[in-house]
Amino acid sequence: MSITILFVGLLFFAAHAFALLFEKKAIPDVFLLMVIGILAGPVFHLTKPEDFGMWGDIVSSITLVAILFEGGMALEIKSIRETAGGALPIFLATFLGTGALAFASAFFAFHLPLLASLAFGGSVASISPAVALPMAKGFGLSKRGMDILTVDTALTDVLSIIFVFSIVLASKGGDLNAGHIVGSTLSALTFAAIIGFSASFIWLRVIEFVRKFPNTMLSTFAFLFVVYGLTEFLGYSGAIASLFFGFGLVNKPFGLIERLGIPLGTPDTNITAGEKSLFGEIIFVLRTFFFLYLGISLRFDNWYGLLAGAGLSVVVIAGRIWFARRSFAATEGKKNAAIIGAMIPKGLATAVLAALPLGAGMAGGAEVRDLSYQVILSSIVLTSVVAFAIRRFEARPAS
């Protein structure tokens, strides 16, 4: 027990050191955390996923809620409006292209069921803002390029989440009728969004009163869990409610409702910088242990799956760089366009979403999880190598 506690403490400091290394040298900290997990699990067999029991699933669920909340807070209406023209084409091309390639490989090469193949496609179509944005900044991406990439990655995360949850809901319903799937999914997601959005309005109204009590810095997180649990209890998606809860807290677009003739009155209260900092620290800790767990969970007994994950990453990054150069080279320059194109790393959202089909009892769920984990690892490594090569090549003086 003492060794385990010592390891947890050292891991926390190592994670902060990795984050600093990421900031200075653009070496992804999540990759280094996964390497520790790989060494502890598949290589030296010091531990295995089963040792965590139900705690692995609990941490995964809490992490999902936290990253969706953070993702909602990162979706600023102003940024979306200003960069939509540049971000939407590459977002759509990347999401649809990656999803289609992943679906085809799962369905035709690995012979997974239809819904499992769709879930795999949706899971790996996401690009991790937490990995891509610091990496792009470290490689010197321009301010305009960072704005485009911010909206691009945020939208892929959100759409992946919505899509995969739709597939999981369809599998639970047991009815593969396309019209029924679309109708029931849209209704479930819409009600979840309304609950999350309404909860943000209520919380902004009462948070000043809550702050009068001592030790309430975590009260917003606690209310987030209430929103998630209540939405799930009502039979809707707690994850989507968490996303819109964060979105409503930051953007406060309640004036849109007032235009319909409903006099709400936008709350003046805001989430403080101290609370946002605390949220970031909590998510950092969850992210640290989740990627360690992800490394422990990786399996290297299926080389076909490893090669397929690496091959998918290669095709996606090549296509995205080509598309980005055609779209942004004239306005952002070849280097910035190539860096935007190289940013395809998968991250926390992909890892959590990939585990949902298995948790829902979907046929082929284990294969979806294992293949997605391989894509996460290969995409992070490949993005780092290609972006580094782009920076070195573009920095060479013309001959």
Protein backbone atom coordinates (compact mmCIF):
# COMPACT_ATOMS: atom_id res chain seq x y z
CA MET A 1 0.00 0.00 0.00
CA SER A 2 2.81 2.42 0.87
CA ILE A 3 4.43 1.84 -2.55
CA THR A 4 1.11 2.54 -4.29
CA ILE A 5 0.63 5.82 -2.41
CA LEU A 6 4.25 6.80 -3.16
CA PHE A 7 3.66 6.07 -6.86
CA VAL A 8 0.49 8.20 -6.91
CA GLY A 9 2.36 11.16 -5.42
CA LEU A 10 5.29 10.82 -7.81
CA LEU A 11 2.92 10.44 -10.75
CA PHE A 12 1.22 13.73 -9.89
CA PHE A 13 4.53 15.62 -9.97
CA ALA A 14 5.61 13.75 -13.09
CA ALA A 15 2.38 14.79 -14.82
CA HIS A 16 3.11 18.46 -14.08
CA ALA A 17 6.67 18.01 -15.37
CA PHE A 18 5.29 16.39 -18.54
CA ALA A 19 2.88 19.31 -18.97
CA LEU A 20 5.78 21.78 -18.73
CA LEU A 21 7.76 19.71 -21.23
CA PHE A 22 4.73 19.78 -23.52
CA GLU A 23 4.57 23.56 -23.27
CA LYS A 24 8.29 24.05 -23.91
CA LYS A 25 9.11 21.28 -26.39
CA ALA A 26 5.68 20.26 -27.77
CA ILE A 27 6.21 16.66 -26.61
CA PRO A 28 2.68 15.47 -25.73
CA ASP A 29 2.31 14.84 -22.01
CA VAL A 30 -0.54 12.38 -22.61
CA PHE A 31 1.81 10.25 -24.69
CA LEU A 32 4.35 10.12 -21.85
CA LEU A 33 1.59 9.18 -19.40
CA MET A 34 0.48 6.41 -21.76
CA VAL A 35 4.08 5.18 -21.96
CA ILE A 36 4.20 4.85 -18.16
CA GLY A 37 0.94 2.90 -18.30
CA ILE A 38 2.24 0.69 -21.11
CA LEU A 39 5.40 -0.09 -19.12
CA ALA A 40 3.40 -0.83 -15.96
CA GLY A 41 0.81 -2.92 -17.79
CA PRO A 42 1.50 -4.72 -21.09
CA VAL A 43 5.32 -4.65 -20.81
CA PHE A 44 6.23 -5.51 -17.20
CA HIS A 45 2.80 -6.78 -16.10
CA LEU A 46 2.91 -4.88 -12.80
CA THR A 47 -0.82 -4.23 -13.05
CA LYS A 48 -3.77 -4.83 -15.36
CA PRO A 49 -7.12 -3.12 -16.00
CA GLU A 50 -8.98 -5.70 -13.96
CA ASP A 51 -7.06 -4.61 -10.83
CA PHE A 52 -8.99 -1.34 -10.85
CA GLY A 53 -12.37 -3.10 -10.79
CA MET A 54 -15.35 -0.77 -10.78
CA TRP A 55 -13.10 2.25 -10.13
CA GLY A 56 -11.92 2.21 -13.73
CA ASP A 57 -15.51 2.66 -14.95
CA ILE A 58 -16.26 5.29 -12.30
CA VAL A 59 -13.22 7.37 -13.21
CA SER A 60 -14.12 7.04 -16.90
CA SER A 61 -17.67 8.30 -16.25
CA ILE A 62 -16.52 11.22 -14.10
CA THR A 63 -13.86 12.11 -16.65
CA LEU A 64 -16.44 12.10 -19.44
CA VAL A 65 -18.69 14.48 -17.50
CA ALA A 66 -15.74 16.76 -16.71
CA ILE A 67 -14.39 16.98 -20.26
CA LEU A 68 -17.85 17.61 -21.70
CA PHE A 69 -18.37 20.39 -19.16
CA GLU A 70 -14.98 21.85 -20.10
CA GLY A 71 -15.74 21.42 -23.79
CA GLY A 72 -19.00 23.34 -23.41
CA MET A 73 -17.18 26.16 -21.64
CA ALA A 74 -14.62 26.30 -24.47
CA LEU A 75 -17.29 26.79 -27.15
CA GLU A 76 -17.43 30.57 -27.24
CA ILE A 77 -20.08 31.96 -29.57
CA LYS A 78 -17.87 34.90 -30.55
CA SER A 79 -14.98 32.66 -31.65
CA ILE A 80 -17.29 30.38 -33.60
CA ARG A 81 -18.83 33.35 -35.39
CA GLU A 82 -15.46 34.92 -36.28
CA THR A 83 -13.72 31.78 -37.55
CA ALA A 84 -16.64 29.71 -38.85
CA GLY A 85 -15.80 30.43 -42.48
CA GLY A 86 -12.29 29.04 -42.12
CA ALA A 87 -12.93 26.28 -39.59
CA LEU A 88 -16.11 24.66 -40.92
CA PRO A 89 -14.69 23.27 -44.21
CA ILE A 90 -11.72 21.53 -42.60
CA PHE A 91 -13.87 20.41 -39.69
CA LEU A 92 -16.42 18.77 -41.98
CA ALA A 93 -13.77 17.25 -44.25
CA THR A 94 -11.83 15.80 -41.31
CA PHE A 95 -14.83 14.55 -39.38
CA LEU A 96 -16.60 12.96 -42.34
CA GLY A 97 -13.41 11.63 -43.94
CA THR A 98 -12.02 10.12 -40.74
CA GLY A 99 -15.37 8.70 -39.72
CA ALA A 100 -15.94 7.12 -43.14
CA LEU A 101 -12.47 5.55 -43.28
CA ALA A 102 -12.74 4.23 -39.74
CA PHE A 103 -16.21 2.82 -40.38
CA ALA A 104 -15.06 1.11 -43.57
CA SER A 105 -12.02 -0.46 -41.89
CA ALA A 106 -14.09 -1.72 -38.94
CA PHE A 107 -16.98 -3.02 -41.05
CA PHE A 108 -15.10 -4.54 -44.00
CA ALA A 109 -11.64 -5.39 -42.60
CA PHE A 110 -12.54 -6.39 -39.04
CA HIS A 111 -16.13 -7.51 -39.81
CA LEU A 112 -17.63 -5.66 -36.85
CA PRO A 113 -21.42 -5.21 -36.63
CA LEU A 114 -22.93 -2.12 -38.24
CA LEU A 115 -23.57 -0.15 -35.04
CA ALA A 116 -20.15 -1.01 -33.59
CA SER A 117 -18.48 0.12 -36.82
CA LEU A 118 -20.42 3.39 -36.72
CA ALA A 119 -19.43 3.90 -33.07
CA PHE A 120 -15.77 3.33 -33.95
CA GLY A 121 -16.00 5.84 -36.79
CA GLY A 122 -17.59 8.44 -34.54
CA SER A 123 -15.11 7.89 -31.71
CA VAL A 124 -11.94 8.35 -33.76
CA ALA A 125 -13.34 11.25 -35.83
CA SER A 126 -12.71 13.50 -32.84
CA ILE A 127 -9.58 15.65 -32.50
CA SER A 128 -8.46 16.42 -28.96
CA PRO A 129 -8.27 20.18 -28.23
CA ALA A 130 -6.31 19.43 -25.03
CA VAL A 131 -3.55 17.79 -27.09
CA ALA A 132 -3.75 19.63 -30.43
CA LEU A 133 -3.88 23.25 -29.21
CA PRO A 134 -0.81 23.25 -26.92
CA MET A 135 1.09 21.24 -29.53
CA ALA A 136 0.20 23.69 -32.32
CA LYS A 137 1.16 26.64 -30.11
CA GLY A 138 4.49 24.99 -29.36
CA PHE A 139 5.13 24.60 -33.07
CA GLY A 140 4.52 28.33 -33.62
CA LEU A 141 1.06 28.37 -35.22
CA SER A 142 -0.24 31.89 -35.94
CA LYS A 143 -3.00 33.56 -33.91
CA ARG A 144 -5.52 33.21 -36.75
CA GLY A 145 -4.48 29.58 -37.20
CA MET A 146 -4.97 28.94 -33.47
CA ASP A 147 -8.48 30.41 -33.66
CA ILE A 148 -9.36 28.16 -36.62
CA LEU A 149 -7.92 25.09 -34.89
CA THR A 150 -9.74 25.91 -31.64
CA VAL A 151 -13.15 25.93 -33.32
CA ASP A 152 -12.25 22.96 -35.53
CA THR A 153 -11.21 20.69 -32.63
CA ALA A 154 -14.05 21.81 -30.36
CA LEU A 155 -16.63 21.00 -33.02
CA THR A 156 -15.14 17.57 -33.78
CA ASP A 157 -15.26 16.73 -30.07
CA VAL A 158 -18.87 17.84 -29.72
CA LEU A 159 -20.11 16.14 -32.89
CA SER A 160 -18.29 12.90 -32.02
CA ILE A 161 -19.94 12.88 -28.61
CA ILE A 162 -23.39 13.47 -30.04
CA PHE A 163 -22.92 10.89 -32.78
CA VAL A 164 -21.58 8.10 -30.56
CA PHE A 165 -24.24 8.68 -27.93
CA SER A 166 -26.84 8.45 -30.69
CA ILE A 167 -25.46 5.07 -31.72
CA VAL A 168 -25.41 3.82 -28.12
CA LEU A 169 -29.01 4.97 -27.63
CA ALA A 170 -30.00 3.15 -30.82
CA SER A 171 -28.33 -0.06 -29.65
CA LYS A 172 -30.14 0.09 -26.32
CA GLY A 173 -33.46 0.59 -28.09
CA GLY A 174 -32.93 -2.52 -30.18
CA ASP A 175 -34.76 -1.01 -33.15
CA LEU A 176 -32.58 -0.44 -36.24
CA ASN A 177 -35.27 1.40 -38.20
CA ALA A 178 -33.51 4.50 -39.51
CA GLY A 179 -36.44 6.85 -38.97
CA HIS A 180 -37.04 5.60 -35.45
CA ILE A 181 -33.35 5.89 -34.60
CA VAL A 182 -33.12 9.47 -35.86
CA GLY A 183 -36.37 10.56 -34.23
CA SER A 184 -35.75 9.00 -30.81
CA THR A 185 -32.12 10.17 -30.76
CA LEU A 186 -32.99 13.75 -31.67
CA SER A 187 -35.70 13.89 -29.03
CA ALA A 188 -33.40 12.46 -26.34
CA LEU A 189 -30.56 14.82 -27.21
CA THR A 190 -32.88 17.82 -27.47
CA PHE A 191 -34.41 17.25 -24.05
CA ALA A 192 -30.93 16.69 -22.59
CA ALA A 193 -29.75 19.98 -24.10
CA ILE A 194 -32.77 21.80 -22.69
CA ILE A 195 -32.12 20.36 -19.23
CA GLY A 196 -28.45 21.35 -19.32
CA PHE A 197 -29.18 24.80 -20.68
CA SER A 198 -31.92 25.41 -18.10
CA ALA A 199 -29.64 24.17 -15.32
CA SER A 200 -26.99 26.73 -16.30
CA PHE A 201 -29.58 29.52 -15.99
CA ILE A 202 -30.75 28.29 -12.59
CA TRP A 203 -27.19 27.88 -11.30
CA LEU A 204 -26.17 31.39 -12.34
CA ARG A 205 -29.22 32.65 -10.43
CA VAL A 206 -28.38 30.84 -7.15
CA ILE A 207 -24.59 30.66 -7.15
CA GLU A 208 -24.14 33.98 -5.34
CA PHE A 209 -26.26 32.65 -2.48
CA VAL A 210 -24.30 29.38 -2.43
CA ARG A 211 -21.01 31.30 -2.25
CA LYS A 212 -22.04 32.73 1.13
CA PHE A 213 -21.42 29.30 2.65
CA PRO A 214 -17.84 28.21 3.45
CA ASN A 215 -15.87 25.85 1.20
CA THR A 216 -18.05 26.08 -1.89
CA MET A 217 -15.40 26.26 -4.63
CA LEU A 218 -16.49 22.82 -5.81
CA SER A 219 -20.20 23.57 -5.69
CA THR A 220 -20.43 24.09 -9.48
CA PHE A 221 -18.85 20.68 -10.02
CA ALA A 222 -21.26 19.16 -7.51
CA PHE A 223 -24.21 20.75 -9.31
CA LEU A 224 -22.80 19.39 -12.59
CA PHE A 225 -23.05 15.87 -11.18
CA VAL A 226 -26.62 16.59 -10.05
CA VAL A 227 -27.49 17.70 -13.59
CA TYR A 228 -25.86 14.60 -15.09
CA GLY A 229 -27.52 12.19 -12.65
CA LEU A 230 -30.97 13.77 -12.94
CA THR A 231 -30.84 13.76 -16.75
CA GLU A 232 -29.81 10.09 -16.80
CA PHE A 233 -32.57 9.27 -14.29
CA LEU A 234 -35.13 10.85 -16.63
CA GLY A 235 -33.87 8.65 -19.47
CA TYR A 236 -31.95 11.26 -21.47
CA SER A 237 -28.24 11.81 -22.11
CA GLY A 238 -26.48 13.19 -19.04
CA ALA A 239 -23.36 13.74 -21.13
CA ILE A 240 -25.11 16.13 -23.52
CA ALA A 241 -26.72 17.92 -20.57
CA SER A 242 -23.24 18.41 -19.08
CA LEU A 243 -22.01 19.88 -22.35
CA PHE A 244 -24.83 22.43 -22.57
CA PHE A 245 -24.53 23.22 -18.86
CA GLY A 246 -20.94 24.38 -19.42
CA PHE A 247 -21.90 26.19 -22.63
CA GLY A 248 -24.68 28.13 -20.89
CA LEU A 249 -22.51 29.11 -17.92
CA VAL A 250 -19.88 30.79 -20.10
CA ASN A 251 -21.87 32.18 -23.02
CA LYS A 252 -25.14 33.07 -21.25
CA PRO A 253 -27.09 33.29 -24.53
CA PHE A 254 -30.38 33.70 -22.69
CA GLY A 255 -31.15 36.80 -24.72
CA LEU A 256 -32.06 34.47 -27.59
CA ILE A 257 -34.94 33.15 -25.52
CA GLU A 258 -36.00 36.66 -24.53
CA ARG A 259 -36.40 37.50 -28.22
CA LEU A 260 -39.15 34.89 -28.31
CA GLY A 261 -41.08 36.98 -25.81
CA ILE A 262 -40.04 35.10 -22.66
CA PRO A 263 -38.67 37.66 -20.15
CA LEU A 264 -35.90 35.71 -18.43
CA GLY A 265 -33.36 38.40 -17.65
CA THR A 266 -29.73 37.37 -18.16
CA PRO A 267 -27.96 36.74 -14.80
CA ASP A 268 -25.06 39.08 -13.99
CA THR A 269 -23.12 36.41 -12.12
CA ASN A 270 -20.10 34.75 -13.75
CA ILE A 271 -17.89 31.79 -13.01
CA THR A 272 -14.81 33.29 -11.35
CA ALA A 273 -11.23 32.90 -12.54
CA GLY A 274 -10.44 31.00 -9.33
CA GLU A 275 -13.24 28.51 -9.98
CA LYS A 276 -12.10 28.01 -13.58
CA SER A 277 -8.57 27.40 -12.33
CA LEU A 278 -9.86 24.81 -9.86
CA PHE A 279 -11.91 23.12 -12.60
CA GLY A 280 -8.78 22.95 -14.73
CA GLU A 281 -6.80 21.35 -11.90
CA ILE A 282 -9.48 18.73 -11.30
CA ILE A 283 -9.66 17.88 -14.99
CA PHE A 284 -5.85 17.74 -15.10
CA VAL A 285 -5.81 15.13 -12.31
CA LEU A 286 -8.61 13.09 -13.93
CA ARG A 287 -6.84 13.30 -17.28
CA THR A 288 -3.54 12.16 -15.73
CA PHE A 289 -4.93 9.01 -14.20
CA PHE A 290 -7.16 8.27 -17.16
CA PHE A 291 -4.30 8.25 -19.68
CA LEU A 292 -2.24 6.13 -17.30
CA TYR A 293 -5.19 3.72 -17.17
CA LEU A 294 -5.44 3.90 -20.95
CA GLY A 295 -1.79 2.87 -21.31
CA ILE A 296 -2.34 -0.05 -18.93
CA SER A 297 -5.39 -1.09 -20.98
CA LEU A 298 -3.57 -1.16 -24.33
CA ARG A 299 -3.14 -4.59 -25.88
CA PHE A 300 -0.30 -5.52 -28.18
CA ASP A 301 -1.38 -9.06 -29.01
CA ASN A 302 -3.16 -7.93 -32.19
CA TRP A 303 -0.59 -6.58 -34.63
CA TYR A 304 -3.23 -6.35 -37.33
CA GLY A 305 -5.10 -3.86 -35.16
CA LEU A 306 -1.92 -1.90 -34.47
CA LEU A 307 -1.12 -1.64 -38.16
CA ALA A 308 -4.70 -0.68 -38.99
CA GLY A 309 -4.67 2.10 -36.38
CA ALA A 310 -1.35 3.44 -37.65
CA GLY A 311 -2.48 3.18 -41.28
CA LEU A 312 -5.70 5.06 -40.55
CA SER A 313 -3.73 7.85 -38.85
CA VAL A 314 -1.33 8.10 -41.80
CA VAL A 315 -4.15 8.40 -44.35
CA VAL A 316 -6.05 10.96 -42.26
CA ILE A 317 -3.04 13.18 -41.60
CA ALA A 318 -1.96 13.09 -45.27
CA GLY A 319 -5.45 14.02 -46.47
CA ARG A 320 -5.88 16.74 -43.85
CA ILE A 321 -2.50 18.35 -44.67
CA TRP A 322 -3.42 18.35 -48.36
CA PHE A 323 -6.80 19.93 -47.63
CA ALA A 324 -5.33 22.50 -45.22
CA ARG A 325 -2.67 23.58 -47.72
CA ARG A 326 -5.32 24.13 -50.37
CA SER A 327 -7.54 26.05 -47.95
CA PHE A 328 -5.11 28.13 -45.88
CA ALA A 329 -1.76 28.41 -47.68
CA ALA A 330 -2.74 31.63 -49.44
CA THR A 331 -3.89 33.39 -46.25
CA GLU A 332 -1.89 31.74 -43.45
CA GLY A 333 1.26 30.61 -45.27
CA LYS A 334 2.42 27.09 -46.08
CA LYS A 335 3.90 26.39 -42.64
CA ASN A 336 0.79 27.39 -40.70
CA ALA A 337 -1.45 25.54 -43.15
CA ALA A 338 0.65 22.39 -42.80
CA ILE A 339 0.63 22.59 -38.99
CA ILE A 340 -3.16 22.96 -38.97
CA GLY A 341 -3.35 19.91 -41.22
CA ALA A 342 -1.01 17.86 -39.04
CA MET A 343 -3.10 18.32 -35.90
CA ILE A 344 -5.10 15.07 -35.73
CA PRO A 345 -4.27 13.74 -32.23
CA LYS A 346 -7.02 11.77 -30.56
CA GLY A 347 -7.42 12.15 -26.83
CA LEU A 348 -9.68 11.88 -23.85
CA ALA A 349 -13.01 12.16 -25.67
CA THR A 350 -12.07 9.37 -28.08
CA ALA A 351 -10.90 7.14 -25.23
CA VAL A 352 -14.05 7.63 -23.18
CA LEU A 353 -16.41 7.35 -26.14
CA ALA A 354 -14.68 4.17 -27.32
CA ALA A 355 -15.54 2.48 -24.02
CA LEU A 356 -19.26 3.32 -24.22
CA PRO A 357 -20.30 0.56 -26.66
CA LEU A 358 -18.73 -2.09 -24.42
CA GLY A 359 -20.40 -0.61 -21.34
CA ALA A 360 -23.74 -0.65 -23.17
CA GLY A 361 -23.33 -4.34 -24.03
CA MET A 362 -23.06 -3.64 -27.75
CA ALA A 363 -21.80 -6.51 -29.92
CA GLY A 364 -18.23 -5.72 -30.98
CA GLY A 365 -17.80 -3.20 -28.13
CA ALA A 366 -14.50 -4.67 -26.95
CA GLU A 367 -13.04 -4.47 -30.46
CA VAL A 368 -14.19 -0.83 -30.79
CA ARG A 369 -12.42 0.05 -27.55
CA ASP A 370 -9.18 -1.75 -28.41
CA LEU A 371 -8.98 -0.38 -31.96
CA SER A 372 -9.71 3.16 -30.76
CA TYR A 373 -6.94 2.93 -28.17
CA GLN A 374 -4.50 1.95 -30.92
CA VAL A 375 -5.59 4.93 -33.02
CA ILE A 376 -5.10 7.30 -30.05
CA LEU A 377 -1.53 6.14 -29.54
CA SER A 378 -0.58 6.18 -33.23
CA SER A 379 -2.26 9.56 -33.91
CA ILE A 380 -0.39 11.28 -31.06
CA VAL A 381 2.96 9.85 -32.11
CA LEU A 382 2.38 10.60 -35.79
CA THR A 383 1.17 14.16 -35.14
CA SER A 384 4.27 14.90 -33.06
CA VAL A 385 6.65 13.52 -35.68
CA VAL A 386 4.99 15.18 -38.69
CA ALA A 387 4.56 18.58 -37.00
CA PHE A 388 8.20 18.53 -35.88
CA ALA A 389 9.30 17.66 -39.42
CA ILE A 390 7.16 20.47 -40.86
CA ARG A 391 8.72 23.02 -38.51
CA ARG A 392 12.25 21.89 -39.31
CA PHE A 393 11.61 21.76 -43.07
CA GLU A 394 9.91 25.15 -43.23
CA ALA A 395 12.66 26.70 -41.10
CA ARG A 396 15.41 25.73 -43.57
CA PRO A 397 16.67 28.63 -45.66
CA ALA A 398 15.69 28.50 -49.29
CA SER A 399 18.53 27.32 -51.53
